[in-house]
Amino acid sequence: MAQSNVYSLNVVGYYNLPLAANAKMMIANQLNTTNNTLGALIPIAPDSSVFYKYAGSFTTYSYDALTPGWLPDGNATLNPGEGGFIICPEATTLTFVGEVLQGSLVNTLPINTKVIRSSIVPQQGLISTDLKLPGEDSDVLYTYAAGYTAYSYDALTPGWLPSEPTIGVGQAFFYLKAPQSVSSQWIRNFTVQ
C-alpha cells in the first residue's frame, strides 16, 4: 500500500470500535500515527484477544496480559487503509487516535489478489458513491458480520450487486480485483473542511 501527495494540516481525530465478546470483527486503522503497528495502535486488549492479519494467508497475534503485549510480537503493521480480524473474549471498546490523512491518498488493490483493506480516512459511506472506490467488472468485495456477504461489481449495470455496500468507520473488508482489471489503485482526494 502506498500513499502519495499526502500533506498534513495536523487534523487529529479518533474513533471508537465497540467489540462484542467472542465476536469476530473486521477492523481497520484509518488514522496515521508515528507508529502504525498492532502493539502501538492496540497497546492494551483483553487477555487472550486474537488478531489475524492477512497477506495471502493469516498470521495470528494473541494478546497476553502478563507480558503485556501481542505475541509473537506487536510489530505487525496496520497502516491507514489496512485491516484485519479481531476476536476479544470479553466486550471491549478499541479507540484509534491519530492524524486524518489528506491530499491524494492511494490504497493499492493488487489485481487478482485478495487483500483486507478499508478507506484510508475515517468516513462512513457507500463504497463507490461516497468512498470513491472505482469498481471494475467482476471485482468482488466481502464484508463480515457473523458471516461473509459478497458484492460484485457489474460494468453493465454499472454498479455493485446485489447492492452497493455501506462501509462503516473503522470497518475493513476483503477485496479481490478481477484478473482483467486495469487499475490497482484506489485514489481518494480528501481534505478536511
N, C-alpha and C. Protein backbone atom coordinates (compact mmCIF):
# COMPACT_ATOMS: atom_id res chain seq x y z
N MET A 1 0.84 -1.17 0.00
CA MET A 1 0.00 0.00 0.00
C MET A 1 0.89 1.22 0.00
N ALA A 2 0.59 2.19 -0.85
CA ALA A 2 1.39 3.40 -0.94
C ALA A 2 0.50 4.62 -0.77
N GLN A 3 1.09 5.69 -0.31
CA GLN A 3 0.37 6.95 -0.19
C GLN A 3 1.20 8.00 -0.89
N SER A 4 0.57 8.77 -1.77
CA SER A 4 1.33 9.79 -2.49
C SER A 4 0.62 11.12 -2.37
N ASN A 5 1.43 12.18 -2.48
CA ASN A 5 0.90 13.53 -2.38
C ASN A 5 0.06 13.74 -1.13
N VAL A 6 0.56 13.23 0.00
CA VAL A 6 -0.12 13.36 1.27
C VAL A 6 0.44 14.58 1.98
N TYR A 7 -0.44 15.39 2.52
CA TYR A 7 0.03 16.55 3.26
C TYR A 7 -0.70 16.62 4.59
N SER A 8 -0.18 17.44 5.47
CA SER A 8 -0.73 17.50 6.80
C SER A 8 -1.16 18.91 7.16
N LEU A 9 -2.34 19.02 7.69
CA LEU A 9 -2.81 20.23 8.34
C LEU A 9 -2.96 19.94 9.82
N ASN A 10 -2.38 18.80 10.24
CA ASN A 10 -2.41 18.36 11.63
C ASN A 10 -3.83 18.29 12.18
N VAL A 11 -4.72 17.67 11.41
CA VAL A 11 -6.07 17.42 11.88
C VAL A 11 -6.05 16.08 12.59
N VAL A 12 -6.27 16.12 13.89
CA VAL A 12 -6.23 14.91 14.71
C VAL A 12 -7.66 14.47 14.99
N GLY A 13 -7.86 13.17 14.95
CA GLY A 13 -9.19 12.64 15.22
C GLY A 13 -9.12 11.34 16.00
N TYR A 14 -10.29 10.79 16.30
CA TYR A 14 -10.35 9.49 16.95
C TYR A 14 -11.67 8.83 16.57
N TYR A 15 -11.72 7.53 16.73
CA TYR A 15 -12.97 6.80 16.61
C TYR A 15 -12.92 5.60 17.53
N ASN A 16 -14.09 5.18 17.98
CA ASN A 16 -14.24 4.04 18.88
C ASN A 16 -14.87 2.88 18.13
N LEU A 17 -14.36 1.68 18.39
CA LEU A 17 -14.93 0.46 17.82
C LEU A 17 -15.39 -0.45 18.97
N PRO A 18 -16.69 -0.49 19.24
CA PRO A 18 -17.17 -1.42 20.27
C PRO A 18 -17.14 -2.86 19.75
N LEU A 19 -16.59 -3.75 20.55
CA LEU A 19 -16.48 -5.16 20.18
C LEU A 19 -17.27 -6.01 21.16
N ALA A 20 -18.11 -6.88 20.63
CA ALA A 20 -18.85 -7.81 21.48
C ALA A 20 -17.94 -8.96 21.89
N ALA A 21 -18.24 -9.58 23.01
CA ALA A 21 -17.44 -10.70 23.49
C ALA A 21 -17.50 -11.86 22.50
N ASN A 22 -16.33 -12.42 22.20
CA ASN A 22 -16.18 -13.60 21.34
C ASN A 22 -16.75 -13.45 19.94
N ALA A 23 -16.90 -12.23 19.46
CA ALA A 23 -17.40 -12.00 18.10
C ALA A 23 -16.23 -11.62 17.20
N LYS A 24 -16.16 -12.27 16.04
CA LYS A 24 -15.12 -11.95 15.07
C LYS A 24 -15.54 -10.69 14.32
N MET A 25 -14.62 -9.72 14.24
CA MET A 25 -14.94 -8.46 13.57
C MET A 25 -13.77 -8.02 12.71
N MET A 26 -14.08 -7.51 11.52
CA MET A 26 -13.05 -6.94 10.65
C MET A 26 -12.89 -5.46 11.03
N ILE A 27 -11.68 -5.11 11.48
CA ILE A 27 -11.43 -3.73 11.89
C ILE A 27 -10.32 -3.13 11.03
N ALA A 28 -10.23 -1.80 11.08
CA ALA A 28 -9.24 -1.11 10.27
C ALA A 28 -8.68 0.09 11.02
N ASN A 29 -7.44 0.40 10.68
CA ASN A 29 -6.83 1.65 11.13
C ASN A 29 -7.08 2.68 10.03
N GLN A 30 -7.63 3.83 10.39
CA GLN A 30 -7.89 4.89 9.43
C GLN A 30 -7.28 6.22 9.86
N LEU A 31 -6.36 6.16 10.82
CA LEU A 31 -5.68 7.37 11.29
C LEU A 31 -4.19 7.10 11.36
N ASN A 32 -3.40 8.07 10.98
CA ASN A 32 -1.95 7.90 10.94
C ASN A 32 -1.32 8.30 12.27
N THR A 33 -0.36 7.50 12.72
CA THR A 33 0.41 7.83 13.92
C THR A 33 1.89 7.69 13.58
N THR A 34 2.74 7.99 14.53
CA THR A 34 4.18 7.83 14.30
C THR A 34 4.58 6.36 14.31
N ASN A 35 3.68 5.48 14.78
CA ASN A 35 3.99 4.05 14.86
C ASN A 35 2.72 3.25 14.57
N ASN A 36 2.49 2.92 13.32
CA ASN A 36 1.28 2.20 12.91
C ASN A 36 1.47 0.69 13.01
N THR A 37 1.77 0.23 14.22
CA THR A 37 1.91 -1.21 14.46
C THR A 37 0.78 -1.65 15.39
N LEU A 38 0.52 -2.94 15.37
CA LEU A 38 -0.51 -3.51 16.23
C LEU A 38 -0.26 -3.15 17.69
N GLY A 39 0.99 -3.29 18.14
CA GLY A 39 1.32 -3.00 19.53
C GLY A 39 1.13 -1.56 19.92
N ALA A 40 1.35 -0.64 19.00
CA ALA A 40 1.18 0.79 19.30
C ALA A 40 -0.28 1.22 19.18
N LEU A 41 -0.99 0.68 18.20
CA LEU A 41 -2.38 1.07 17.98
C LEU A 41 -3.34 0.44 18.98
N ILE A 42 -3.05 -0.80 19.38
CA ILE A 42 -3.88 -1.51 20.37
C ILE A 42 -2.93 -2.00 21.47
N PRO A 43 -2.43 -1.07 22.32
CA PRO A 43 -1.44 -1.45 23.32
C PRO A 43 -2.00 -2.32 24.44
N ILE A 44 -3.31 -2.21 24.68
CA ILE A 44 -3.96 -3.00 25.73
C ILE A 44 -5.23 -3.61 25.15
N ALA A 45 -5.41 -4.90 25.39
CA ALA A 45 -6.61 -5.61 24.95
C ALA A 45 -6.95 -6.63 26.02
N PRO A 46 -8.17 -7.12 26.04
CA PRO A 46 -8.49 -8.20 26.98
C PRO A 46 -7.55 -9.39 26.77
N ASP A 47 -7.16 -10.02 27.87
CA ASP A 47 -6.26 -11.18 27.80
C ASP A 47 -6.84 -12.23 26.86
N SER A 48 -5.97 -12.81 26.05
CA SER A 48 -6.31 -13.85 25.08
C SER A 48 -7.07 -13.33 23.86
N SER A 49 -7.09 -12.01 23.66
CA SER A 49 -7.63 -11.47 22.40
C SER A 49 -6.75 -11.95 21.26
N VAL A 50 -7.33 -12.13 20.09
CA VAL A 50 -6.58 -12.63 18.94
C VAL A 50 -6.81 -11.68 17.77
N PHE A 51 -5.71 -11.34 17.07
CA PHE A 51 -5.78 -10.51 15.87
C PHE A 51 -5.20 -11.32 14.72
N TYR A 52 -5.90 -11.29 13.58
CA TYR A 52 -5.46 -12.02 12.39
C TYR A 52 -5.17 -11.02 11.28
N LYS A 53 -3.93 -11.03 10.81
CA LYS A 53 -3.55 -10.18 9.68
C LYS A 53 -3.40 -11.08 8.47
N TYR A 54 -3.89 -10.60 7.32
CA TYR A 54 -3.92 -11.42 6.11
C TYR A 54 -2.96 -10.87 5.06
N ALA A 55 -2.10 -11.75 4.55
CA ALA A 55 -1.21 -11.42 3.43
C ALA A 55 -1.04 -12.71 2.62
N GLY A 56 -2.12 -13.16 2.00
CA GLY A 56 -2.11 -14.42 1.27
C GLY A 56 -2.48 -15.59 2.16
N SER A 57 -2.16 -15.48 3.44
CA SER A 57 -2.59 -16.40 4.48
C SER A 57 -2.62 -15.58 5.78
N PHE A 58 -3.21 -16.16 6.80
CA PHE A 58 -3.36 -15.41 8.05
C PHE A 58 -2.15 -15.62 8.97
N THR A 59 -1.71 -14.52 9.59
CA THR A 59 -0.74 -14.57 10.68
C THR A 59 -1.51 -14.21 11.94
N THR A 60 -1.32 -14.99 12.99
CA THR A 60 -2.08 -14.83 14.22
C THR A 60 -1.24 -14.16 15.30
N TYR A 61 -1.84 -13.19 15.98
CA TYR A 61 -1.22 -12.50 17.11
C TYR A 61 -2.19 -12.61 18.27
N SER A 62 -1.68 -13.00 19.44
CA SER A 62 -2.56 -13.10 20.61
C SER A 62 -2.04 -12.18 21.71
N TYR A 63 -2.99 -11.59 22.43
CA TYR A 63 -2.63 -10.65 23.48
C TYR A 63 -2.46 -11.39 24.80
N ASP A 64 -1.31 -11.17 25.45
CA ASP A 64 -1.01 -11.78 26.73
C ASP A 64 -0.92 -10.67 27.77
N ALA A 65 -1.86 -10.67 28.71
CA ALA A 65 -1.90 -9.63 29.73
C ALA A 65 -0.73 -9.71 30.69
N LEU A 66 -0.09 -10.87 30.83
CA LEU A 66 1.05 -10.99 31.73
C LEU A 66 2.30 -10.35 31.15
N THR A 67 2.45 -10.38 29.84
CA THR A 67 3.67 -9.87 29.20
C THR A 67 3.83 -8.37 29.42
N PRO A 68 2.93 -7.45 29.34
CA PRO A 68 1.74 -7.45 28.50
C PRO A 68 2.11 -7.10 27.07
N GLY A 69 1.36 -7.63 26.14
CA GLY A 69 1.59 -7.32 24.74
C GLY A 69 1.13 -8.42 23.82
N TRP A 70 1.35 -8.19 22.54
CA TRP A 70 0.95 -9.12 21.49
C TRP A 70 2.06 -10.13 21.22
N LEU A 71 1.70 -11.39 21.13
CA LEU A 71 2.65 -12.46 20.85
C LEU A 71 2.37 -13.03 19.47
N PRO A 72 3.36 -13.33 18.65
CA PRO A 72 4.77 -13.35 18.99
C PRO A 72 5.40 -11.97 19.12
N ASP A 73 4.80 -10.93 18.53
CA ASP A 73 5.27 -9.57 18.74
C ASP A 73 4.18 -8.62 18.25
N GLY A 74 4.30 -7.36 18.57
CA GLY A 74 3.30 -6.37 18.17
C GLY A 74 3.75 -5.53 17.01
N ASN A 75 4.72 -6.04 16.22
CA ASN A 75 5.29 -5.24 15.13
C ASN A 75 4.56 -5.34 13.80
N ALA A 76 3.47 -6.08 13.75
CA ALA A 76 2.70 -6.16 12.50
C ALA A 76 2.17 -4.77 12.17
N THR A 77 2.34 -4.36 10.92
CA THR A 77 1.85 -3.03 10.56
C THR A 77 0.34 -3.03 10.38
N LEU A 78 -0.23 -1.91 10.67
CA LEU A 78 -1.64 -1.67 10.45
C LEU A 78 -1.75 -0.19 10.05
N ASN A 79 -1.28 0.08 8.83
CA ASN A 79 -1.26 1.44 8.30
C ASN A 79 -2.67 1.89 7.93
N PRO A 80 -2.89 3.20 7.81
CA PRO A 80 -4.21 3.65 7.38
C PRO A 80 -4.61 2.97 6.07
N GLY A 81 -5.81 2.39 6.07
CA GLY A 81 -6.30 1.67 4.90
C GLY A 81 -6.10 0.17 4.99
N GLU A 82 -5.40 -0.30 6.03
CA GLU A 82 -5.20 -1.74 6.24
C GLU A 82 -6.10 -2.22 7.37
N GLY A 83 -6.39 -3.51 7.38
CA GLY A 83 -7.23 -4.05 8.42
C GLY A 83 -6.95 -5.51 8.69
N GLY A 84 -7.76 -6.08 9.56
CA GLY A 84 -7.65 -7.49 9.91
C GLY A 84 -8.85 -7.90 10.75
N PHE A 85 -8.83 -9.13 11.22
CA PHE A 85 -9.88 -9.65 12.09
C PHE A 85 -9.42 -9.57 13.54
N ILE A 86 -10.35 -9.31 14.44
CA ILE A 86 -10.05 -9.37 15.86
C ILE A 86 -11.18 -10.10 16.57
N ILE A 87 -10.80 -10.87 17.60
CA ILE A 87 -11.75 -11.54 18.48
C ILE A 87 -11.29 -11.27 19.91
N CYS A 88 -12.16 -10.72 20.72
CA CYS A 88 -11.86 -10.47 22.14
C CYS A 88 -12.76 -11.34 23.00
N PRO A 89 -12.21 -11.96 24.07
CA PRO A 89 -13.03 -12.85 24.89
C PRO A 89 -14.05 -12.12 25.76
N GLU A 90 -13.94 -10.81 25.84
CA GLU A 90 -14.93 -10.03 26.59
C GLU A 90 -15.24 -8.75 25.82
N ALA A 91 -16.39 -8.19 26.07
CA ALA A 91 -16.77 -6.96 25.38
C ALA A 91 -15.78 -5.85 25.75
N THR A 92 -15.40 -5.10 24.75
CA THR A 92 -14.45 -4.00 24.96
C THR A 92 -14.66 -2.96 23.87
N THR A 93 -14.05 -1.82 24.03
CA THR A 93 -14.07 -0.78 23.01
C THR A 93 -12.63 -0.41 22.68
N LEU A 94 -12.28 -0.49 21.41
CA LEU A 94 -10.97 -0.05 20.94
C LEU A 94 -11.08 1.40 20.50
N THR A 95 -10.10 2.22 20.87
CA THR A 95 -10.08 3.62 20.46
C THR A 95 -8.85 3.86 19.61
N PHE A 96 -9.06 4.35 18.40
CA PHE A 96 -7.97 4.71 17.50
C PHE A 96 -7.84 6.23 17.51
N VAL A 97 -6.62 6.72 17.69
CA VAL A 97 -6.35 8.16 17.74
C VAL A 97 -5.20 8.44 16.79
N GLY A 98 -5.31 9.51 16.01
CA GLY A 98 -4.22 9.87 15.11
C GLY A 98 -4.60 10.97 14.16
N GLU A 99 -3.74 11.17 13.20
CA GLU A 99 -3.92 12.23 12.22
C GLU A 99 -4.78 11.76 11.05
N VAL A 100 -5.71 12.60 10.63
CA VAL A 100 -6.51 12.33 9.44
C VAL A 100 -5.66 12.70 8.23
N LEU A 101 -5.33 11.71 7.41
CA LEU A 101 -4.51 11.98 6.22
C LEU A 101 -5.34 12.76 5.20
N GLN A 102 -4.66 13.65 4.48
CA GLN A 102 -5.32 14.48 3.48
C GLN A 102 -4.46 14.54 2.22
N GLY A 103 -5.09 14.94 1.14
CA GLY A 103 -4.38 15.04 -0.13
C GLY A 103 -4.84 13.94 -1.06
N SER A 104 -3.95 13.53 -1.96
CA SER A 104 -4.24 12.44 -2.89
C SER A 104 -3.76 11.14 -2.24
N LEU A 105 -4.69 10.38 -1.73
CA LEU A 105 -4.39 9.17 -0.95
C LEU A 105 -4.56 7.94 -1.84
N VAL A 106 -3.57 7.06 -1.83
CA VAL A 106 -3.59 5.88 -2.69
C VAL A 106 -3.58 4.61 -1.84
N ASN A 107 -4.56 3.76 -2.07
CA ASN A 107 -4.63 2.46 -1.41
C ASN A 107 -4.51 1.42 -2.53
N THR A 108 -3.49 0.58 -2.46
CA THR A 108 -3.24 -0.40 -3.52
C THR A 108 -4.15 -1.62 -3.35
N LEU A 109 -4.79 -2.00 -4.45
CA LEU A 109 -5.64 -3.19 -4.52
C LEU A 109 -5.04 -4.08 -5.62
N PRO A 110 -4.10 -4.96 -5.25
CA PRO A 110 -3.42 -5.77 -6.27
C PRO A 110 -4.41 -6.58 -7.12
N ILE A 111 -4.13 -6.65 -8.40
CA ILE A 111 -5.00 -7.37 -9.32
C ILE A 111 -4.88 -8.87 -9.09
N ASN A 112 -6.05 -9.53 -9.02
CA ASN A 112 -6.16 -10.98 -8.84
C ASN A 112 -5.54 -11.47 -7.53
N THR A 113 -5.56 -10.62 -6.51
CA THR A 113 -5.04 -10.97 -5.19
C THR A 113 -5.99 -10.48 -4.12
N LYS A 114 -6.43 -11.35 -3.24
CA LYS A 114 -7.34 -10.96 -2.17
C LYS A 114 -6.56 -10.23 -1.07
N VAL A 115 -7.07 -9.06 -0.65
CA VAL A 115 -6.45 -8.27 0.41
C VAL A 115 -7.52 -7.76 1.37
N ILE A 116 -7.11 -7.42 2.58
CA ILE A 116 -8.01 -6.77 3.52
C ILE A 116 -7.68 -5.29 3.50
N ARG A 117 -8.68 -4.47 3.21
CA ARG A 117 -8.50 -3.03 3.10
C ARG A 117 -9.65 -2.29 3.76
N SER A 118 -9.47 -0.97 3.83
CA SER A 118 -10.52 -0.07 4.31
C SER A 118 -10.26 1.29 3.68
N SER A 119 -11.18 2.19 3.89
CA SER A 119 -10.93 3.57 3.49
C SER A 119 -9.72 4.07 4.29
N ILE A 120 -8.89 4.91 3.68
CA ILE A 120 -7.75 5.48 4.40
C ILE A 120 -8.21 6.53 5.40
N VAL A 121 -9.37 7.14 5.14
CA VAL A 121 -9.89 8.17 6.04
C VAL A 121 -11.08 7.64 6.82
N PRO A 122 -11.28 8.13 8.05
CA PRO A 122 -12.37 7.63 8.89
C PRO A 122 -13.71 8.24 8.48
N GLN A 123 -14.33 7.62 7.50
CA GLN A 123 -15.59 8.12 6.98
C GLN A 123 -16.48 6.94 6.62
N GLN A 124 -17.76 7.04 6.96
CA GLN A 124 -18.72 6.00 6.60
C GLN A 124 -19.40 6.38 5.31
N GLY A 125 -19.73 5.38 4.50
CA GLY A 125 -20.49 5.67 3.30
C GLY A 125 -20.53 4.51 2.33
N LEU A 126 -21.24 4.75 1.23
CA LEU A 126 -21.30 3.77 0.15
C LEU A 126 -19.93 3.66 -0.49
N ILE A 127 -19.49 2.43 -0.78
CA ILE A 127 -18.11 2.17 -1.17
C ILE A 127 -17.66 2.97 -2.41
N SER A 128 -18.48 3.10 -3.41
CA SER A 128 -18.08 3.86 -4.61
C SER A 128 -18.63 5.28 -4.60
N THR A 129 -19.90 5.43 -4.26
CA THR A 129 -20.54 6.75 -4.28
C THR A 129 -19.87 7.72 -3.32
N ASP A 130 -19.63 7.29 -2.08
CA ASP A 130 -19.09 8.18 -1.06
C ASP A 130 -17.58 8.01 -0.84
N LEU A 131 -17.11 6.76 -0.84
CA LEU A 131 -15.71 6.49 -0.53
C LEU A 131 -14.82 6.42 -1.77
N LYS A 132 -15.44 6.54 -2.94
CA LYS A 132 -14.75 6.70 -4.23
C LYS A 132 -13.90 5.51 -4.67
N LEU A 133 -14.26 4.29 -4.24
CA LEU A 133 -13.55 3.11 -4.74
C LEU A 133 -14.10 2.82 -6.14
N PRO A 134 -13.23 2.85 -7.17
CA PRO A 134 -13.71 2.63 -8.53
C PRO A 134 -13.76 1.13 -8.87
N GLY A 135 -14.92 0.53 -8.69
CA GLY A 135 -15.05 -0.88 -9.01
C GLY A 135 -14.89 -1.12 -10.50
N GLU A 136 -14.32 -2.28 -10.85
CA GLU A 136 -14.20 -2.71 -12.24
C GLU A 136 -14.94 -4.03 -12.39
N ASP A 137 -15.31 -4.36 -13.61
CA ASP A 137 -16.13 -5.53 -13.87
C ASP A 137 -15.55 -6.79 -13.19
N SER A 138 -16.40 -7.45 -12.43
CA SER A 138 -16.11 -8.71 -11.73
C SER A 138 -15.24 -8.54 -10.48
N ASP A 139 -14.95 -7.31 -10.04
CA ASP A 139 -14.32 -7.12 -8.73
C ASP A 139 -15.30 -7.64 -7.68
N VAL A 140 -14.76 -8.18 -6.57
CA VAL A 140 -15.62 -8.69 -5.50
C VAL A 140 -15.17 -8.11 -4.17
N LEU A 141 -16.13 -7.65 -3.40
CA LEU A 141 -15.90 -7.10 -2.06
C LEU A 141 -16.67 -7.98 -1.07
N TYR A 142 -16.02 -8.36 0.04
CA TYR A 142 -16.65 -9.19 1.06
C TYR A 142 -16.64 -8.44 2.38
N THR A 143 -17.82 -8.21 2.97
CA THR A 143 -17.89 -7.70 4.33
C THR A 143 -18.11 -8.90 5.25
N TYR A 144 -17.90 -8.67 6.56
CA TYR A 144 -18.07 -9.76 7.51
C TYR A 144 -18.86 -9.28 8.71
N ALA A 145 -19.95 -9.98 9.02
CA ALA A 145 -20.73 -9.75 10.24
C ALA A 145 -21.37 -11.09 10.58
N ALA A 146 -20.68 -11.90 11.36
CA ALA A 146 -21.10 -13.26 11.72
C ALA A 146 -21.18 -14.16 10.49
N GLY A 147 -20.56 -13.76 9.41
CA GLY A 147 -20.52 -14.49 8.15
C GLY A 147 -20.23 -13.49 7.04
N TYR A 148 -19.79 -14.00 5.90
CA TYR A 148 -19.43 -13.13 4.79
C TYR A 148 -20.65 -12.75 3.95
N THR A 149 -20.64 -11.51 3.45
CA THR A 149 -21.59 -11.05 2.44
C THR A 149 -20.76 -10.60 1.26
N ALA A 150 -21.06 -11.14 0.07
CA ALA A 150 -20.29 -10.81 -1.13
C ALA A 150 -21.04 -9.81 -2.00
N TYR A 151 -20.29 -8.88 -2.57
CA TYR A 151 -20.81 -7.89 -3.50
C TYR A 151 -19.90 -7.93 -4.73
N SER A 152 -20.48 -7.99 -5.91
CA SER A 152 -19.65 -8.00 -7.12
C SER A 152 -20.00 -6.79 -7.98
N TYR A 153 -18.98 -6.28 -8.63
CA TYR A 153 -19.19 -5.12 -9.49
C TYR A 153 -19.51 -5.58 -10.90
N ASP A 154 -20.59 -5.03 -11.45
CA ASP A 154 -21.02 -5.38 -12.80
C ASP A 154 -20.94 -4.12 -13.67
N ALA A 155 -20.05 -4.14 -14.66
CA ALA A 155 -19.84 -2.98 -15.52
C ALA A 155 -21.05 -2.69 -16.39
N LEU A 156 -21.90 -3.67 -16.65
CA LEU A 156 -23.09 -3.44 -17.48
C LEU A 156 -24.18 -2.69 -16.73
N THR A 157 -24.23 -2.88 -15.41
CA THR A 157 -25.31 -2.26 -14.62
C THR A 157 -25.22 -0.74 -14.66
N PRO A 158 -24.15 0.00 -14.56
CA PRO A 158 -22.96 -0.37 -13.81
C PRO A 158 -23.22 -0.20 -12.32
N GLY A 159 -22.56 -1.02 -11.53
CA GLY A 159 -22.69 -0.90 -10.09
C GLY A 159 -22.50 -2.22 -9.38
N TRP A 160 -22.70 -2.15 -8.08
CA TRP A 160 -22.50 -3.29 -7.20
C TRP A 160 -23.77 -4.11 -7.09
N LEU A 161 -23.61 -5.43 -7.12
CA LEU A 161 -24.73 -6.35 -6.97
C LEU A 161 -24.51 -7.23 -5.75
N PRO A 162 -25.50 -7.48 -4.91
CA PRO A 162 -26.89 -7.14 -5.11
C PRO A 162 -27.21 -5.66 -4.84
N SER A 163 -26.31 -4.93 -4.14
CA SER A 163 -26.48 -3.51 -3.89
C SER A 163 -25.11 -2.94 -3.53
N GLU A 164 -25.00 -1.64 -3.52
CA GLU A 164 -23.72 -1.02 -3.16
C GLU A 164 -23.54 -1.10 -1.65
N PRO A 165 -22.45 -1.71 -1.18
CA PRO A 165 -22.27 -1.86 0.27
C PRO A 165 -21.91 -0.55 0.96
N THR A 166 -22.42 -0.41 2.17
CA THR A 166 -22.04 0.70 3.05
C THR A 166 -20.94 0.20 3.97
N ILE A 167 -19.87 0.96 4.06
CA ILE A 167 -18.73 0.61 4.92
C ILE A 167 -18.68 1.62 6.06
N GLY A 168 -18.57 1.12 7.29
CA GLY A 168 -18.56 1.98 8.46
C GLY A 168 -17.16 2.48 8.80
N VAL A 169 -17.10 3.45 9.68
CA VAL A 169 -15.82 3.95 10.18
C VAL A 169 -15.13 2.80 10.93
N GLY A 170 -13.87 2.58 10.63
CA GLY A 170 -13.11 1.53 11.29
C GLY A 170 -13.42 0.13 10.79
N GLN A 171 -14.20 0.01 9.72
CA GLN A 171 -14.56 -1.30 9.19
C GLN A 171 -13.66 -1.67 8.02
N ALA A 172 -13.14 -2.88 8.05
CA ALA A 172 -12.32 -3.41 6.96
C ALA A 172 -13.16 -4.38 6.14
N PHE A 173 -12.63 -4.77 4.99
CA PHE A 173 -13.31 -5.72 4.11
C PHE A 173 -12.27 -6.42 3.26
N PHE A 174 -12.62 -7.61 2.78
CA PHE A 174 -11.79 -8.29 1.78
C PHE A 174 -12.11 -7.68 0.42
N TYR A 175 -11.08 -7.54 -0.42
CA TYR A 175 -11.29 -7.06 -1.78
C TYR A 175 -10.48 -7.92 -2.73
N LEU A 176 -11.12 -8.32 -3.82
CA LEU A 176 -10.46 -9.12 -4.85
C LEU A 176 -10.67 -8.44 -6.19
N LYS A 177 -9.58 -7.86 -6.73
CA LYS A 177 -9.62 -7.26 -8.07
C LYS A 177 -9.68 -8.38 -9.09
N ALA A 178 -10.56 -8.23 -10.06
CA ALA A 178 -10.71 -9.24 -11.12
C ALA A 178 -9.43 -9.33 -11.95
N PRO A 179 -9.10 -10.52 -12.49
CA PRO A 179 -7.87 -10.70 -13.27
C PRO A 179 -7.76 -9.75 -14.47
N GLN A 180 -8.88 -9.37 -15.05
CA GLN A 180 -8.84 -8.49 -16.22
C GLN A 180 -8.87 -7.00 -15.85
N SER A 181 -8.76 -6.67 -14.55
CA SER A 181 -8.80 -5.27 -14.11
C SER A 181 -7.66 -4.48 -14.72
N VAL A 182 -7.89 -3.19 -14.86
CA VAL A 182 -6.90 -2.28 -15.45
C VAL A 182 -6.14 -1.52 -14.37
N SER A 183 -6.84 -1.11 -13.31
CA SER A 183 -6.22 -0.27 -12.28
C SER A 183 -6.09 -1.03 -10.97
N SER A 184 -4.97 -0.84 -10.31
CA SER A 184 -4.76 -1.45 -8.99
C SER A 184 -4.71 -0.39 -7.90
N GLN A 185 -5.23 0.80 -8.20
CA GLN A 185 -5.16 1.88 -7.22
C GLN A 185 -6.54 2.44 -6.90
N TRP A 186 -6.78 2.61 -5.62
CA TRP A 186 -7.96 3.29 -5.11
C TRP A 186 -7.46 4.66 -4.68
N ILE A 187 -7.70 5.67 -5.49
CA ILE A 187 -7.19 7.02 -5.23
C ILE A 187 -8.33 7.86 -4.66
N ARG A 188 -8.05 8.49 -3.55
CA ARG A 188 -9.05 9.31 -2.87
C ARG A 188 -8.45 10.68 -2.62
N ASN A 189 -9.01 11.71 -3.21
CA ASN A 189 -8.60 13.08 -2.92
C ASN A 189 -9.46 13.57 -1.78
N PHE A 190 -8.82 13.86 -0.65
CA PHE A 190 -9.58 14.14 0.57
C PHE A 190 -8.97 15.32 1.31
N THR A 191 -9.84 16.22 1.73
CA THR A 191 -9.42 17.32 2.62
C THR A 191 -10.49 17.50 3.69
N VAL A 192 -10.06 17.92 4.86
CA VAL A 192 -10.97 18.24 5.94
C VAL A 192 -11.34 19.70 5.79
N GLN A 193 -12.62 19.98 5.72
CA GLN A 193 -13.04 21.37 5.52
C GLN A 193 -13.61 21.96 6.77
